[in-house]
């Protein structure tokens, strides 16, 4: 996908971003640290609208899952890893022909999802159960499941 090369470049800038040259920091799931959101928006400003929107979705929203969440005919979404996304529509299970652009993008998706669900996962508590919007949430963090 064309947007992935742009995404990787911007992700590299975000990962190397150091506010006021003070040193590294841990980017929160919403990328709200001062300067990070501005850096992402500036880097995507001149891109074609569909590419820009997808990159912004990877950083600030639900990435490849976003169209599924807005489809009222989708009854279930199963995410087995960054490149293994399945959905049920009209009683049929299908694989999404899309995935997260990177491991970081996928991890940030999990972090944002847990934040919205009011849940937390860690090495000590690698399983997450809850609900987001009208969907059930369950996942096992990579620390227990090396294949995601």
Protein backbone atom coordinates (compact mmCIF):
# COMPACT_ATOMS: atom_id res chain seq x y z
CA UNK A 1 0.00 0.00 0.00
CA UNK A 2 1.25 3.42 -0.96
CA UNK A 3 0.50 5.01 2.40
CA UNK A 4 2.72 2.53 4.28
CA UNK A 5 5.96 4.02 3.02
CA UNK A 6 4.80 7.48 4.13
CA UNK A 7 3.60 6.02 7.43
CA UNK A 8 6.95 4.32 8.16
CA UNK A 9 8.82 7.57 7.47
CA UNK A 10 6.56 9.57 9.80
CA UNK A 11 6.65 6.84 12.46
CA UNK A 12 10.46 7.04 12.37
CA UNK A 13 10.29 10.78 12.97
CA UNK A 14 7.86 10.27 15.87
CA UNK A 15 10.05 7.57 17.45
CA UNK A 16 13.09 9.87 17.21
CA UNK A 17 11.22 12.95 18.40
CA UNK A 18 12.81 14.54 21.45
CA UNK A 19 11.03 17.59 22.81
CA UNK A 20 13.47 20.48 23.22
CA UNK A 21 16.36 17.98 22.88
CA UNK A 22 15.81 16.94 26.52
CA UNK A 23 15.88 13.21 25.78
CA UNK A 24 13.57 10.39 24.85
CA UNK A 25 10.09 9.89 26.20
CA UNK A 26 7.26 7.41 26.04
CA UNK A 27 4.63 8.55 23.56
CA UNK A 28 1.17 8.14 25.08
CA UNK A 29 -1.45 6.19 23.10
CA UNK A 30 -3.16 9.35 21.90
CA UNK A 31 0.11 11.00 20.76
CA UNK A 32 -0.82 14.09 22.75
CA UNK A 33 2.66 14.98 23.98
CA UNK A 34 3.54 18.55 23.05
CA UNK A 35 4.89 18.68 19.56
CA UNK A 36 4.16 15.07 18.50
CA UNK A 37 0.68 15.67 17.11
CA UNK A 38 1.96 18.81 15.39
CA UNK A 39 4.88 16.87 13.87
CA UNK A 40 2.49 14.22 12.49
CA UNK A 41 0.05 16.75 11.09
CA UNK A 42 2.82 18.77 9.42
CA UNK A 43 4.34 15.62 7.91
CA UNK A 44 1.00 14.61 6.39
CA UNK A 45 -0.16 18.07 5.33
CA UNK A 46 0.84 17.83 1.66
CA UNK A 47 -0.18 14.22 1.08
CA UNK A 48 -3.11 13.07 -1.03
CA UNK A 49 -6.26 13.20 1.13
CA UNK A 50 -6.89 9.43 1.26
CA UNK A 51 -3.26 8.72 2.24
CA UNK A 52 -3.24 11.53 4.82
CA UNK A 53 -6.52 10.32 6.34
CA UNK A 54 -5.27 6.75 6.65
CA UNK A 55 -1.99 7.82 8.26
CA UNK A 56 -3.83 10.05 10.72
CA UNK A 57 -6.17 7.15 11.47
CA UNK A 58 -3.17 4.92 12.29
CA UNK A 59 -1.81 7.52 14.72
CA UNK A 60 -4.96 8.97 16.26
CA UNK A 61 -7.85 6.58 15.68
CA UNK A 62 -8.54 2.94 14.79
CA UNK A 63 -6.40 2.44 11.67
CA UNK A 64 -7.62 -0.39 9.44
CA UNK A 65 -10.41 -1.24 11.90
CA UNK A 66 -12.10 2.17 11.55
CA UNK A 67 -14.35 1.29 8.56
CA UNK A 68 -15.46 -1.89 10.35
CA UNK A 69 -16.49 0.03 13.47
CA UNK A 70 -18.69 2.35 11.43
CA UNK A 71 -20.44 -0.43 9.48
CA UNK A 72 -23.74 -1.29 11.23
CA UNK A 73 -23.83 -4.71 9.52
CA UNK A 74 -20.58 -5.83 11.19
CA UNK A 75 -21.43 -7.95 14.24
CA UNK A 76 -17.97 -9.10 15.28
CA UNK A 77 -14.35 -8.06 14.76
CA UNK A 78 -11.54 -10.51 15.50
CA UNK A 79 -7.97 -9.22 15.54
CA UNK A 80 -5.32 -11.91 15.91
CA UNK A 81 -2.38 -9.60 15.25
CA UNK A 82 -1.33 -6.60 13.19
CA UNK A 83 -1.99 -8.34 9.88
CA UNK A 84 -4.77 -10.74 10.87
CA UNK A 85 -8.08 -8.89 11.09
CA UNK A 86 -11.37 -10.74 10.60
CA UNK A 87 -14.97 -9.56 10.72
CA UNK A 88 -18.44 -11.05 10.65
CA UNK A 89 -20.97 -9.46 8.34
CA UNK A 90 -24.37 -10.90 7.48
CA UNK A 91 -23.41 -14.17 9.17
CA UNK A 92 -20.19 -14.66 7.16
CA UNK A 93 -16.66 -14.42 8.53
CA UNK A 94 -14.19 -12.65 6.21
CA UNK A 95 -10.59 -11.55 6.47
CA UNK A 96 -9.92 -7.85 6.06
CA UNK A 97 -7.58 -7.15 3.17
CA UNK A 98 -5.67 -4.63 5.29
CA UNK A 99 -3.63 -4.50 8.47
CA UNK A 100 -1.78 -2.21 10.83
CA UNK A 101 1.24 -0.49 9.33
CA UNK A 102 3.65 -1.57 12.07
CA UNK A 103 3.99 -3.26 15.44
CA UNK A 104 3.99 0.20 17.05
CA UNK A 105 0.75 1.13 15.30
CA UNK A 106 -0.83 -2.11 16.49
CA UNK A 107 0.39 -1.61 20.07
CA UNK A 108 -0.95 1.94 20.10
CA UNK A 109 -4.28 0.60 18.82
CA UNK A 110 -4.38 -1.86 21.75
CA UNK A 111 -3.45 0.93 24.16
CA UNK A 112 -6.15 3.30 22.83
CA UNK A 113 -8.72 0.49 22.84
CA UNK A 114 -7.95 -0.34 26.47
CA UNK A 115 -8.04 3.34 27.37
CA UNK A 116 -11.52 3.70 25.86
CA UNK A 117 -12.69 0.48 27.54
CA UNK A 118 -11.26 1.54 30.90
CA UNK A 119 -9.00 -1.54 30.92
CA UNK A 120 -5.29 -2.15 31.37
CA UNK A 121 -2.86 -4.84 30.30
CA UNK A 122 0.74 -5.50 31.30
CA UNK A 123 3.25 -8.31 31.73
CA UNK A 124 1.58 -9.16 35.03
CA UNK A 125 -1.92 -8.94 33.49
CA UNK A 126 -1.58 -9.81 29.77
CA UNK A 127 -5.26 -10.54 29.12
CA UNK A 128 -7.81 -7.84 28.47
CA UNK A 129 -11.58 -8.33 28.49
CA UNK A 130 -14.18 -5.62 28.14
CA UNK A 131 -16.21 -3.77 25.56
CA UNK A 132 -15.63 -0.86 23.21
CA UNK A 133 -18.65 0.79 21.64
CA UNK A 134 -20.93 -2.14 20.83
CA UNK A 135 -18.13 -4.69 20.49
CA UNK A 136 -16.75 -7.23 22.93
CA UNK A 137 -13.02 -6.86 23.58
CA UNK A 138 -10.67 -9.72 24.39
CA UNK A 139 -6.98 -10.03 23.67
CA UNK A 140 -3.81 -11.57 24.96
CA UNK A 141 -0.75 -9.33 24.89
CA UNK A 142 2.31 -10.42 22.96
CA UNK A 143 4.22 -11.16 26.18
CA UNK A 144 2.17 -14.36 26.49
CA UNK A 145 1.31 -14.91 22.83
CA UNK A 146 4.50 -14.46 20.76
CA UNK A 147 2.52 -14.65 17.52
CA UNK A 148 0.39 -11.68 18.73
